Amino acid sequence: MKPIVIVDYGMGNLRSVQKAFEKVEHEAIITSDPQRVGEADQLVLPGVGAFRDAIARLHEAQLEEPIRDHLRAGKPFFGICLGLQLLFTTSYEDGHYQGLNYFPGEVVKFGTHPGLKVPHMGWNELRVKKEAPPLRDLPAGSSVYFVHSYYVVPGDPALTATETDYPTPFTSAIWHDNVFATQFHPEKSQRVGLEMLRRFAAWH
C-alpha cells in the first residue's frame, strides 16, 4: 500500500500530522513535489495561516492542478483547517481571494458576540449531520480542537458533515464522495482525532 501523501506548500504543522498517522500505524510522507502529489492514492492538505498566502504558495509550487486532479479522480482526500477553506470559491480574509473553487461557497469571519473571543480556540463539540467514513461510530458529543477566525459557508448545505456552535451553528466538517475536510485539527484532537485519521487511512 502506498504511503499517505501530505502536501507541503510551506504552511501548516506538517510533522504533527505525519506523527499522528504514524501513531495509528500508517506511513505518511511530506512532499512539495507536484508529481508525487499527483501520484498519491490518498492525499492530505493541511494548513495554518492566511488564505491569501496559502493560495499563492500552492500556485507558485505548481500544486493546484495535481490537487484538483486528485479530487476529480475520486481518490480519498482529507483537508485540515486552511486545507478545508481552500476548497471553496472565495475567502474574505483580509480582502477578497479566489480559492480552488472545487466547491461553491465562501470563507467568512466570525461575528462579535458578548463573551466569545475570535479566534475560536480550544475544544468544542461536533454534531454529526452525515456520517462520512472518517466519522463512522463517532461517539455522540465528541469534542475536537479548533483554532480559527474564519469558517466556510458552503453553497450547498448538503456538504456539511458536522456542525459546531460558536455561538450559532457553523460547518465544522464537510463530506462529498471522496472528499472529507475539517475546520478542526484532528492531529491535536487526541483519541477522537486519531480515530478519524485511522479511518481515513483505511478508506479506499
N, C-alpha and C. Protein backbone atom coordinates (compact mmCIF):
# COMPACT_ATOMS: atom_id res chain seq x y z
N MET A 1 0.84 -1.20 0.00
CA MET A 1 0.00 0.00 0.00
C MET A 1 0.88 1.25 0.00
N LYS A 2 0.57 2.20 -0.86
CA LYS A 2 1.34 3.44 -0.92
C LYS A 2 1.18 4.24 0.37
N PRO A 3 2.19 5.02 0.74
CA PRO A 3 2.02 5.90 1.90
C PRO A 3 1.02 7.02 1.61
N ILE A 4 0.41 7.52 2.65
CA ILE A 4 -0.43 8.71 2.54
C ILE A 4 0.48 9.89 2.24
N VAL A 5 0.04 10.79 1.36
CA VAL A 5 0.85 11.95 0.97
C VAL A 5 0.30 13.21 1.61
N ILE A 6 1.16 13.92 2.33
CA ILE A 6 0.81 15.20 2.97
C ILE A 6 1.43 16.31 2.13
N VAL A 7 0.61 17.25 1.67
CA VAL A 7 1.08 18.31 0.77
C VAL A 7 1.82 19.38 1.56
N ASP A 8 3.05 19.63 1.15
CA ASP A 8 3.87 20.67 1.78
C ASP A 8 3.92 21.89 0.85
N TYR A 9 3.23 22.96 1.24
CA TYR A 9 3.32 24.21 0.49
C TYR A 9 3.79 25.34 1.40
N GLY A 10 4.48 24.93 2.48
CA GLY A 10 5.12 25.90 3.36
C GLY A 10 4.24 26.46 4.44
N MET A 11 3.03 25.90 4.61
CA MET A 11 2.12 26.41 5.64
C MET A 11 1.42 25.24 6.32
N GLY A 12 1.66 25.10 7.60
CA GLY A 12 0.97 24.04 8.32
C GLY A 12 1.92 23.25 9.21
N ASN A 13 1.33 22.61 10.20
CA ASN A 13 2.11 21.81 11.14
C ASN A 13 2.21 20.40 10.56
N LEU A 14 3.04 20.27 9.54
CA LEU A 14 3.11 19.04 8.75
C LEU A 14 3.60 17.85 9.57
N ARG A 15 4.64 18.08 10.35
CA ARG A 15 5.21 16.97 11.11
C ARG A 15 4.21 16.42 12.12
N SER A 16 3.41 17.28 12.73
CA SER A 16 2.44 16.78 13.71
C SER A 16 1.36 15.94 13.03
N VAL A 17 1.00 16.29 11.80
CA VAL A 17 0.04 15.47 11.05
C VAL A 17 0.68 14.13 10.70
N GLN A 18 1.93 14.17 10.25
CA GLN A 18 2.64 12.94 9.91
C GLN A 18 2.76 12.03 11.14
N LYS A 19 3.12 12.61 12.29
CA LYS A 19 3.27 11.83 13.52
C LYS A 19 1.94 11.22 13.95
N ALA A 20 0.84 11.94 13.72
CA ALA A 20 -0.47 11.40 14.08
C ALA A 20 -0.80 10.16 13.25
N PHE A 21 -0.47 10.20 11.96
CA PHE A 21 -0.67 9.00 11.14
C PHE A 21 0.23 7.86 11.61
N GLU A 22 1.45 8.19 12.00
CA GLU A 22 2.36 7.15 12.50
C GLU A 22 1.81 6.51 13.77
N LYS A 23 1.13 7.30 14.60
CA LYS A 23 0.54 6.77 15.84
C LYS A 23 -0.54 5.74 15.55
N VAL A 24 -1.21 5.89 14.40
CA VAL A 24 -2.24 4.91 14.04
C VAL A 24 -1.69 3.89 13.03
N GLU A 25 -0.35 3.83 12.97
CA GLU A 25 0.38 2.79 12.23
C GLU A 25 0.15 2.85 10.72
N HIS A 26 0.19 4.09 10.20
CA HIS A 26 0.12 4.29 8.75
C HIS A 26 1.27 5.21 8.33
N GLU A 27 1.98 4.82 7.30
CA GLU A 27 3.08 5.63 6.80
C GLU A 27 2.54 6.84 6.06
N ALA A 28 3.13 8.00 6.33
CA ALA A 28 2.75 9.23 5.63
C ALA A 28 4.03 9.98 5.27
N ILE A 29 4.08 10.48 4.04
CA ILE A 29 5.23 11.26 3.61
C ILE A 29 4.81 12.70 3.36
N ILE A 30 5.75 13.61 3.58
CA ILE A 30 5.54 15.04 3.34
C ILE A 30 6.28 15.41 2.07
N THR A 31 5.58 16.06 1.12
CA THR A 31 6.25 16.40 -0.14
C THR A 31 5.68 17.68 -0.73
N SER A 32 6.56 18.39 -1.44
CA SER A 32 6.13 19.55 -2.23
C SER A 32 6.27 19.27 -3.72
N ASP A 33 6.55 18.00 -4.07
CA ASP A 33 6.77 17.60 -5.46
C ASP A 33 5.42 17.39 -6.16
N PRO A 34 5.07 18.20 -7.16
CA PRO A 34 3.78 18.05 -7.83
C PRO A 34 3.55 16.64 -8.39
N GLN A 35 4.62 16.00 -8.86
CA GLN A 35 4.46 14.65 -9.42
C GLN A 35 4.05 13.65 -8.34
N ARG A 36 4.69 13.74 -7.18
CA ARG A 36 4.35 12.81 -6.09
C ARG A 36 2.94 13.08 -5.58
N VAL A 37 2.55 14.35 -5.54
CA VAL A 37 1.18 14.69 -5.16
C VAL A 37 0.20 14.09 -6.17
N GLY A 38 0.53 14.22 -7.45
CA GLY A 38 -0.34 13.70 -8.50
C GLY A 38 -0.47 12.20 -8.49
N GLU A 39 0.56 11.50 -7.99
CA GLU A 39 0.54 10.04 -7.98
C GLU A 39 -0.05 9.46 -6.70
N ALA A 40 -0.40 10.30 -5.75
CA ALA A 40 -0.89 9.82 -4.45
C ALA A 40 -2.21 9.07 -4.57
N ASP A 41 -2.35 8.02 -3.78
CA ASP A 41 -3.64 7.34 -3.66
C ASP A 41 -4.53 8.04 -2.64
N GLN A 42 -3.89 8.57 -1.59
CA GLN A 42 -4.61 9.29 -0.53
C GLN A 42 -3.83 10.57 -0.23
N LEU A 43 -4.54 11.68 -0.20
CA LEU A 43 -3.90 13.00 -0.10
C LEU A 43 -4.44 13.76 1.10
N VAL A 44 -3.52 14.41 1.82
CA VAL A 44 -3.90 15.27 2.95
C VAL A 44 -3.39 16.67 2.67
N LEU A 45 -4.29 17.65 2.74
CA LEU A 45 -3.94 19.06 2.56
C LEU A 45 -4.14 19.77 3.89
N PRO A 46 -3.06 19.95 4.68
CA PRO A 46 -3.19 20.68 5.94
C PRO A 46 -3.05 22.18 5.69
N GLY A 47 -3.00 22.94 6.77
CA GLY A 47 -2.77 24.37 6.58
C GLY A 47 -3.04 25.18 7.82
N VAL A 48 -2.15 26.11 8.09
CA VAL A 48 -2.30 27.09 9.17
C VAL A 48 -1.81 28.42 8.63
N GLY A 49 -2.59 29.48 8.83
CA GLY A 49 -2.15 30.79 8.37
C GLY A 49 -3.19 31.46 7.51
N ALA A 50 -2.74 32.40 6.68
CA ALA A 50 -3.64 33.25 5.90
C ALA A 50 -3.99 32.60 4.56
N PHE A 51 -5.25 32.72 4.19
CA PHE A 51 -5.76 32.15 2.94
C PHE A 51 -5.01 32.70 1.74
N ARG A 52 -4.79 34.02 1.71
CA ARG A 52 -4.11 34.67 0.58
C ARG A 52 -2.74 34.07 0.34
N ASP A 53 -1.96 33.89 1.43
CA ASP A 53 -0.61 33.33 1.30
C ASP A 53 -0.67 31.88 0.83
N ALA A 54 -1.65 31.15 1.34
CA ALA A 54 -1.74 29.72 1.01
C ALA A 54 -2.04 29.51 -0.46
N ILE A 55 -3.01 30.22 -1.01
CA ILE A 55 -3.36 30.01 -2.41
C ILE A 55 -2.22 30.47 -3.31
N ALA A 56 -1.50 31.53 -2.90
CA ALA A 56 -0.34 32.00 -3.68
C ALA A 56 0.76 30.95 -3.68
N ARG A 57 1.00 30.31 -2.55
CA ARG A 57 2.07 29.32 -2.47
C ARG A 57 1.71 28.05 -3.24
N LEU A 58 0.45 27.65 -3.19
CA LEU A 58 0.02 26.50 -3.99
C LEU A 58 0.27 26.76 -5.47
N HIS A 59 -0.03 27.98 -5.89
CA HIS A 59 0.16 28.35 -7.30
C HIS A 59 1.66 28.36 -7.66
N GLU A 60 2.45 28.99 -6.81
CA GLU A 60 3.90 29.09 -7.08
C GLU A 60 4.55 27.71 -7.14
N ALA A 61 4.08 26.79 -6.29
CA ALA A 61 4.66 25.45 -6.22
C ALA A 61 4.07 24.50 -7.27
N GLN A 62 3.17 25.03 -8.10
CA GLN A 62 2.51 24.25 -9.16
C GLN A 62 1.78 23.02 -8.58
N LEU A 63 1.11 23.26 -7.45
CA LEU A 63 0.41 22.18 -6.76
C LEU A 63 -1.11 22.22 -6.98
N GLU A 64 -1.62 23.32 -7.53
CA GLU A 64 -3.07 23.44 -7.69
C GLU A 64 -3.64 22.33 -8.58
N GLU A 65 -3.04 22.14 -9.75
CA GLU A 65 -3.60 21.16 -10.69
C GLU A 65 -3.47 19.73 -10.19
N PRO A 66 -2.32 19.31 -9.63
CA PRO A 66 -2.28 17.95 -9.08
C PRO A 66 -3.33 17.72 -8.00
N ILE A 67 -3.61 18.73 -7.17
CA ILE A 67 -4.65 18.59 -6.14
C ILE A 67 -6.01 18.46 -6.80
N ARG A 68 -6.31 19.34 -7.77
CA ARG A 68 -7.59 19.24 -8.47
C ARG A 68 -7.75 17.89 -9.17
N ASP A 69 -6.67 17.42 -9.80
CA ASP A 69 -6.72 16.13 -10.49
C ASP A 69 -7.04 15.00 -9.51
N HIS A 70 -6.43 15.06 -8.33
CA HIS A 70 -6.69 14.05 -7.30
C HIS A 70 -8.16 14.08 -6.88
N LEU A 71 -8.67 15.28 -6.64
CA LEU A 71 -10.07 15.42 -6.24
C LEU A 71 -11.00 14.85 -7.31
N ARG A 72 -10.74 15.20 -8.56
CA ARG A 72 -11.60 14.77 -9.66
C ARG A 72 -11.50 13.27 -9.93
N ALA A 73 -10.35 12.68 -9.58
CA ALA A 73 -10.14 11.26 -9.84
C ALA A 73 -10.89 10.36 -8.85
N GLY A 74 -11.48 10.97 -7.84
CA GLY A 74 -12.26 10.19 -6.88
C GLY A 74 -11.42 9.49 -5.82
N LYS A 75 -10.16 9.94 -5.65
CA LYS A 75 -9.28 9.32 -4.65
C LYS A 75 -9.45 10.04 -3.30
N PRO A 76 -9.32 9.31 -2.18
CA PRO A 76 -9.57 9.90 -0.87
C PRO A 76 -8.71 11.13 -0.59
N PHE A 77 -9.38 12.16 -0.07
CA PHE A 77 -8.75 13.46 0.22
C PHE A 77 -9.20 13.91 1.60
N PHE A 78 -8.24 14.43 2.39
CA PHE A 78 -8.54 14.94 3.73
C PHE A 78 -7.95 16.35 3.82
N GLY A 79 -8.80 17.36 3.95
CA GLY A 79 -8.37 18.73 4.16
C GLY A 79 -8.47 19.10 5.63
N ILE A 80 -7.47 19.82 6.14
CA ILE A 80 -7.44 20.19 7.56
C ILE A 80 -7.32 21.70 7.69
N CYS A 81 -8.27 22.32 8.39
CA CYS A 81 -8.27 23.75 8.72
C CYS A 81 -8.23 24.59 7.44
N LEU A 82 -7.11 25.24 7.15
CA LEU A 82 -6.99 26.01 5.91
C LEU A 82 -7.17 25.11 4.69
N GLY A 83 -6.81 23.83 4.83
CA GLY A 83 -6.99 22.86 3.76
C GLY A 83 -8.45 22.59 3.44
N LEU A 84 -9.36 22.87 4.37
CA LEU A 84 -10.80 22.87 4.09
C LEU A 84 -11.18 24.15 3.36
N GLN A 85 -10.76 25.28 3.88
CA GLN A 85 -11.19 26.57 3.32
C GLN A 85 -10.75 26.75 1.87
N LEU A 86 -9.56 26.23 1.54
CA LEU A 86 -9.02 26.40 0.19
C LEU A 86 -9.86 25.70 -0.88
N LEU A 87 -10.69 24.75 -0.49
CA LEU A 87 -11.52 24.02 -1.45
C LEU A 87 -12.64 24.87 -2.02
N PHE A 88 -12.93 26.01 -1.38
CA PHE A 88 -14.12 26.78 -1.74
C PHE A 88 -13.78 27.95 -2.68
N THR A 89 -14.82 28.64 -3.11
CA THR A 89 -14.68 29.64 -4.17
C THR A 89 -13.91 30.87 -3.74
N THR A 90 -14.31 31.44 -2.59
CA THR A 90 -13.85 32.77 -2.22
C THR A 90 -13.60 32.86 -0.72
N SER A 91 -12.55 33.57 -0.35
CA SER A 91 -12.33 33.90 1.06
C SER A 91 -12.32 35.42 1.22
N TYR A 92 -12.89 35.87 2.33
CA TYR A 92 -12.89 37.30 2.66
C TYR A 92 -11.93 37.61 3.80
N GLU A 93 -10.88 36.79 3.92
CA GLU A 93 -9.86 37.04 4.94
C GLU A 93 -8.90 38.10 4.46
N ASP A 94 -8.97 39.29 5.07
CA ASP A 94 -8.08 40.41 4.73
C ASP A 94 -8.15 40.77 3.25
N GLY A 95 -9.35 40.76 2.71
CA GLY A 95 -9.53 41.09 1.29
C GLY A 95 -10.52 40.14 0.64
N HIS A 96 -10.30 39.86 -0.62
CA HIS A 96 -11.21 39.01 -1.40
C HIS A 96 -10.33 38.16 -2.31
N TYR A 97 -10.25 36.84 -2.01
CA TYR A 97 -9.31 35.96 -2.71
C TYR A 97 -10.01 34.72 -3.22
N GLN A 98 -9.59 34.29 -4.41
CA GLN A 98 -10.17 33.10 -5.02
C GLN A 98 -9.46 31.85 -4.51
N GLY A 99 -10.27 30.83 -4.16
CA GLY A 99 -9.72 29.55 -3.74
C GLY A 99 -9.65 28.57 -4.90
N LEU A 100 -9.57 27.30 -4.59
CA LEU A 100 -9.53 26.27 -5.62
C LEU A 100 -10.87 26.11 -6.33
N ASN A 101 -11.92 26.58 -5.70
CA ASN A 101 -13.26 26.57 -6.30
C ASN A 101 -13.71 25.16 -6.68
N TYR A 102 -13.31 24.19 -5.88
CA TYR A 102 -13.81 22.83 -6.12
C TYR A 102 -15.26 22.71 -5.67
N PHE A 103 -15.59 23.43 -4.60
CA PHE A 103 -16.97 23.53 -4.14
C PHE A 103 -17.38 25.00 -4.11
N PRO A 104 -18.62 25.32 -4.47
CA PRO A 104 -19.08 26.70 -4.33
C PRO A 104 -19.27 27.04 -2.86
N GLY A 105 -18.85 28.24 -2.50
CA GLY A 105 -19.03 28.67 -1.12
C GLY A 105 -18.03 29.75 -0.75
N GLU A 106 -18.22 30.29 0.44
CA GLU A 106 -17.41 31.42 0.91
C GLU A 106 -16.78 31.10 2.25
N VAL A 107 -15.67 31.80 2.52
CA VAL A 107 -14.99 31.73 3.81
C VAL A 107 -15.15 33.09 4.47
N VAL A 108 -15.83 33.12 5.61
CA VAL A 108 -16.20 34.38 6.26
C VAL A 108 -15.74 34.38 7.72
N LYS A 109 -15.66 35.57 8.30
CA LYS A 109 -15.18 35.72 9.67
C LYS A 109 -16.32 35.62 10.67
N PHE A 110 -16.01 35.07 11.84
CA PHE A 110 -16.98 35.07 12.92
C PHE A 110 -17.37 36.50 13.27
N GLY A 111 -18.65 36.70 13.58
CA GLY A 111 -19.10 37.99 14.10
C GLY A 111 -18.72 38.14 15.56
N THR A 112 -18.95 39.32 16.09
CA THR A 112 -18.65 39.56 17.51
C THR A 112 -19.88 39.22 18.34
N HIS A 113 -19.64 38.50 19.42
CA HIS A 113 -20.71 38.12 20.36
C HIS A 113 -20.18 38.30 21.77
N PRO A 114 -20.96 38.85 22.66
CA PRO A 114 -20.51 39.06 24.04
C PRO A 114 -20.02 37.75 24.67
N GLY A 115 -18.83 37.80 25.24
CA GLY A 115 -18.31 36.63 25.95
C GLY A 115 -17.60 35.62 25.07
N LEU A 116 -17.62 35.81 23.74
CA LEU A 116 -16.94 34.87 22.85
C LEU A 116 -15.79 35.57 22.14
N LYS A 117 -14.63 34.95 22.18
CA LYS A 117 -13.44 35.54 21.57
C LYS A 117 -13.26 35.02 20.14
N VAL A 118 -12.67 35.87 19.32
CA VAL A 118 -12.22 35.46 18.00
C VAL A 118 -10.70 35.69 17.97
N PRO A 119 -9.90 34.66 17.68
CA PRO A 119 -10.29 33.37 17.12
C PRO A 119 -11.00 32.43 18.09
N HIS A 120 -11.79 31.54 17.49
CA HIS A 120 -12.38 30.41 18.18
C HIS A 120 -11.25 29.42 18.44
N MET A 121 -10.90 29.26 19.71
CA MET A 121 -9.72 28.46 20.04
C MET A 121 -10.03 27.52 21.20
N GLY A 122 -9.69 26.23 21.01
CA GLY A 122 -9.88 25.25 22.07
C GLY A 122 -10.84 24.15 21.66
N TRP A 123 -11.35 23.44 22.65
CA TRP A 123 -12.19 22.27 22.42
C TRP A 123 -13.66 22.67 22.26
N ASN A 124 -14.31 22.01 21.31
CA ASN A 124 -15.75 22.26 21.11
C ASN A 124 -16.37 20.98 20.53
N GLU A 125 -17.68 20.87 20.70
CA GLU A 125 -18.38 19.64 20.31
C GLU A 125 -18.74 19.60 18.83
N LEU A 126 -18.79 18.38 18.31
CA LEU A 126 -19.27 18.13 16.96
C LEU A 126 -20.70 17.60 17.01
N ARG A 127 -21.50 18.02 16.06
CA ARG A 127 -22.85 17.47 15.86
C ARG A 127 -22.86 16.87 14.45
N VAL A 128 -22.91 15.56 14.38
CA VAL A 128 -22.79 14.88 13.09
C VAL A 128 -24.09 15.01 12.30
N LYS A 129 -23.96 15.50 11.07
CA LYS A 129 -25.10 15.61 10.15
C LYS A 129 -25.10 14.49 9.11
N LYS A 130 -23.88 14.09 8.69
CA LYS A 130 -23.71 12.98 7.74
C LYS A 130 -22.52 12.16 8.19
N GLU A 131 -22.68 10.85 8.25
CA GLU A 131 -21.62 10.01 8.79
C GLU A 131 -20.62 9.66 7.68
N ALA A 132 -19.70 10.57 7.43
CA ALA A 132 -18.61 10.33 6.49
C ALA A 132 -17.77 9.16 6.98
N PRO A 133 -17.07 8.47 6.08
CA PRO A 133 -16.24 7.33 6.52
C PRO A 133 -15.31 7.64 7.70
N PRO A 134 -14.63 8.80 7.75
CA PRO A 134 -13.77 9.06 8.92
C PRO A 134 -14.55 9.32 10.21
N LEU A 135 -15.86 9.54 10.11
CA LEU A 135 -16.67 9.84 11.29
C LEU A 135 -17.44 8.63 11.80
N ARG A 136 -17.29 7.49 11.14
CA ARG A 136 -18.11 6.33 11.48
C ARG A 136 -17.94 5.94 12.94
N ASP A 137 -19.07 5.70 13.60
CA ASP A 137 -19.12 5.29 15.01
C ASP A 137 -18.54 6.33 15.96
N LEU A 138 -18.52 7.60 15.54
CA LEU A 138 -18.05 8.66 16.44
C LEU A 138 -19.03 8.80 17.61
N PRO A 139 -18.55 8.75 18.84
CA PRO A 139 -19.46 8.88 19.98
C PRO A 139 -20.17 10.23 19.98
N ALA A 140 -21.44 10.23 20.35
CA ALA A 140 -22.22 11.48 20.41
C ALA A 140 -21.55 12.46 21.37
N GLY A 141 -21.53 13.74 20.97
CA GLY A 141 -20.95 14.77 21.82
C GLY A 141 -19.44 14.80 21.84
N SER A 142 -18.79 14.16 20.86
CA SER A 142 -17.32 14.17 20.80
C SER A 142 -16.81 15.60 20.60
N SER A 143 -15.72 15.91 21.27
CA SER A 143 -15.11 17.23 21.15
C SER A 143 -13.77 17.14 20.42
N VAL A 144 -13.46 18.22 19.69
CA VAL A 144 -12.22 18.30 18.91
C VAL A 144 -11.62 19.69 19.10
N TYR A 145 -10.40 19.87 18.59
CA TYR A 145 -9.64 21.09 18.86
C TYR A 145 -9.66 22.04 17.66
N PHE A 146 -10.05 23.29 17.92
CA PHE A 146 -10.16 24.33 16.89
C PHE A 146 -9.18 25.47 17.17
N VAL A 147 -8.69 26.09 16.08
CA VAL A 147 -8.00 27.39 16.14
C VAL A 147 -8.31 28.10 14.82
N HIS A 148 -9.28 29.02 14.83
CA HIS A 148 -9.62 29.71 13.57
C HIS A 148 -10.50 30.93 13.85
N SER A 149 -10.39 31.89 12.93
CA SER A 149 -11.23 33.09 12.97
C SER A 149 -12.26 33.09 11.84
N TYR A 150 -12.03 32.26 10.84
CA TYR A 150 -12.90 32.19 9.65
C TYR A 150 -13.46 30.79 9.50
N TYR A 151 -14.61 30.69 8.86
CA TYR A 151 -15.25 29.40 8.66
C TYR A 151 -15.92 29.38 7.29
N VAL A 152 -16.21 28.17 6.79
CA VAL A 152 -16.80 28.06 5.46
C VAL A 152 -18.33 28.10 5.53
N VAL A 153 -18.91 28.72 4.50
CA VAL A 153 -20.35 28.68 4.28
C VAL A 153 -20.56 28.02 2.93
N PRO A 154 -20.79 26.69 2.90
CA PRO A 154 -20.93 26.01 1.62
C PRO A 154 -22.13 26.50 0.84
N GLY A 155 -21.98 26.60 -0.48
CA GLY A 155 -23.11 26.95 -1.33
C GLY A 155 -24.19 25.89 -1.28
N ASP A 156 -23.81 24.65 -1.07
CA ASP A 156 -24.74 23.53 -0.93
C ASP A 156 -24.70 23.05 0.51
N PRO A 157 -25.77 23.30 1.29
CA PRO A 157 -25.76 22.89 2.70
C PRO A 157 -25.59 21.38 2.88
N ALA A 158 -25.89 20.61 1.85
CA ALA A 158 -25.76 19.15 1.95
C ALA A 158 -24.30 18.71 2.09
N LEU A 159 -23.35 19.61 1.81
CA LEU A 159 -21.94 19.29 2.01
C LEU A 159 -21.58 19.11 3.48
N THR A 160 -22.33 19.75 4.37
CA THR A 160 -21.98 19.78 5.79
C THR A 160 -22.06 18.38 6.40
N ALA A 161 -20.94 17.93 6.95
CA ALA A 161 -20.89 16.63 7.64
C ALA A 161 -21.05 16.79 9.14
N THR A 162 -20.45 17.87 9.69
CA THR A 162 -20.63 18.17 11.11
C THR A 162 -20.85 19.66 11.29
N GLU A 163 -21.59 19.98 12.34
CA GLU A 163 -21.77 21.37 12.76
C GLU A 163 -21.22 21.53 14.17
N THR A 164 -20.85 22.77 14.48
CA THR A 164 -20.38 23.14 15.80
C THR A 164 -20.96 24.51 16.12
N ASP A 165 -21.26 24.76 17.38
CA ASP A 165 -21.87 26.04 17.77
C ASP A 165 -20.82 27.01 18.30
N TYR A 166 -20.85 28.26 17.74
CA TYR A 166 -19.95 29.31 18.27
C TYR A 166 -20.49 30.69 17.89
N PRO A 167 -21.49 31.25 18.52
CA PRO A 167 -22.48 30.56 19.35
C PRO A 167 -23.54 29.89 18.48
N THR A 168 -23.67 30.37 17.22
CA THR A 168 -24.62 29.76 16.30
C THR A 168 -23.91 28.66 15.50
N PRO A 169 -24.66 27.76 14.87
CA PRO A 169 -24.02 26.64 14.17
C PRO A 169 -23.20 27.10 12.97
N PHE A 170 -22.02 26.49 12.81
CA PHE A 170 -21.23 26.68 11.59
C PHE A 170 -20.76 25.31 11.12
N THR A 171 -20.38 25.22 9.85
CA THR A 171 -19.91 23.97 9.27
C THR A 171 -18.49 23.69 9.76
N SER A 172 -18.35 22.60 10.53
CA SER A 172 -17.03 22.26 11.07
C SER A 172 -16.37 21.11 10.32
N ALA A 173 -17.11 20.43 9.43
CA ALA A 173 -16.52 19.43 8.54
C ALA A 173 -17.45 19.25 7.34
N ILE A 174 -16.86 18.87 6.21
CA ILE A 174 -17.66 18.60 5.01
C ILE A 174 -17.34 17.20 4.50
N TRP A 175 -18.27 16.65 3.74
CA TRP A 175 -18.04 15.37 3.08
C TRP A 175 -18.82 15.33 1.78
N HIS A 176 -18.13 14.97 0.70
CA HIS A 176 -18.79 14.71 -0.58
C HIS A 176 -17.97 13.68 -1.34
N ASP A 177 -18.56 12.52 -1.59
CA ASP A 177 -17.88 11.44 -2.31
C ASP A 177 -16.53 11.12 -1.67
N ASN A 178 -15.43 11.44 -2.35
CA ASN A 178 -14.08 11.09 -1.87
C ASN A 178 -13.45 12.18 -1.02
N VAL A 179 -14.16 13.28 -0.79
CA VAL A 179 -13.57 14.45 -0.13
C VAL A 179 -14.13 14.61 1.28
N PHE A 180 -13.24 14.61 2.26
CA PHE A 180 -13.59 14.90 3.65
C PHE A 180 -12.64 15.99 4.13
N ALA A 181 -13.16 17.00 4.78
CA ALA A 181 -12.30 18.08 5.26
C ALA A 181 -12.87 18.68 6.53
N THR A 182 -11.98 19.09 7.42
CA THR A 182 -12.39 19.56 8.75
C THR A 182 -11.84 20.95 9.04
N GLN A 183 -12.63 21.76 9.75
CA GLN A 183 -12.12 23.04 10.24
C GLN A 183 -11.25 22.82 11.47
N PHE A 184 -11.53 21.79 12.22
CA PHE A 184 -10.75 21.47 13.42
C PHE A 184 -9.47 20.70 13.03
N HIS A 185 -8.63 20.49 14.03
CA HIS A 185 -7.35 19.81 13.84
C HIS A 185 -7.42 18.40 14.43
N PRO A 186 -7.62 17.38 13.59
CA PRO A 186 -7.66 16.01 14.14
C PRO A 186 -6.34 15.61 14.81
N GLU A 187 -5.22 16.13 14.29
CA GLU A 187 -3.92 15.76 14.86
C GLU A 187 -3.71 16.33 16.25
N LYS A 188 -4.57 17.29 16.65
CA LYS A 188 -4.50 17.86 18.00
C LYS A 188 -5.69 17.42 18.86
N SER A 189 -6.51 16.53 18.33
CA SER A 189 -7.78 16.18 18.98
C SER A 189 -7.74 14.83 19.68
N GLN A 190 -6.56 14.40 20.04
CA GLN A 190 -6.34 13.21 20.85
C GLN A 190 -7.06 11.99 20.26
N ARG A 191 -7.69 11.19 21.10
CA ARG A 191 -8.23 9.91 20.66
C ARG A 191 -9.24 10.05 19.54
N VAL A 192 -10.13 11.04 19.64
CA VAL A 192 -11.17 11.23 18.63
C VAL A 192 -10.54 11.56 17.27
N GLY A 193 -9.58 12.47 17.26
CA GLY A 193 -8.93 12.85 16.02
C GLY A 193 -8.11 11.72 15.43
N LEU A 194 -7.39 10.98 16.28
CA LEU A 194 -6.60 9.85 15.78
C LEU A 194 -7.50 8.80 15.14
N GLU A 195 -8.67 8.59 15.72
CA GLU A 195 -9.59 7.61 15.14
C GLU A 195 -10.07 8.05 13.76
N MET A 196 -10.27 9.35 13.57
CA MET A 196 -10.65 9.86 12.24
C MET A 196 -9.53 9.59 11.23
N LEU A 197 -8.28 9.85 11.64
CA LEU A 197 -7.15 9.62 10.75
C LEU A 197 -7.00 8.13 10.44
N ARG A 198 -7.24 7.28 11.42
CA ARG A 198 -7.17 5.84 11.20
C ARG A 198 -8.21 5.41 10.16
N ARG A 199 -9.41 5.93 10.31
CA ARG A 199 -10.49 5.55 9.38
C ARG A 199 -10.23 6.13 7.98
N PHE A 200 -9.64 7.32 7.91
CA PHE A 200 -9.28 7.87 6.61
C PHE A 200 -8.24 6.97 5.94
N ALA A 201 -7.24 6.54 6.70
CA ALA A 201 -6.18 5.70 6.15
C ALA A 201 -6.74 4.39 5.59
N ALA A 202 -7.83 3.92 6.15
CA ALA A 202 -8.45 2.67 5.71
C ALA A 202 -9.47 2.88 4.59
N TRP A 203 -9.67 4.13 4.19
CA TRP A 203 -10.70 4.49 3.20
C TRP A 203 -10.10 4.41 1.80
N HIS A 204 -10.63 3.52 0.98
CA HIS A 204 -10.12 3.36 -0.38
C HIS A 204 -11.27 3.33 -1.38
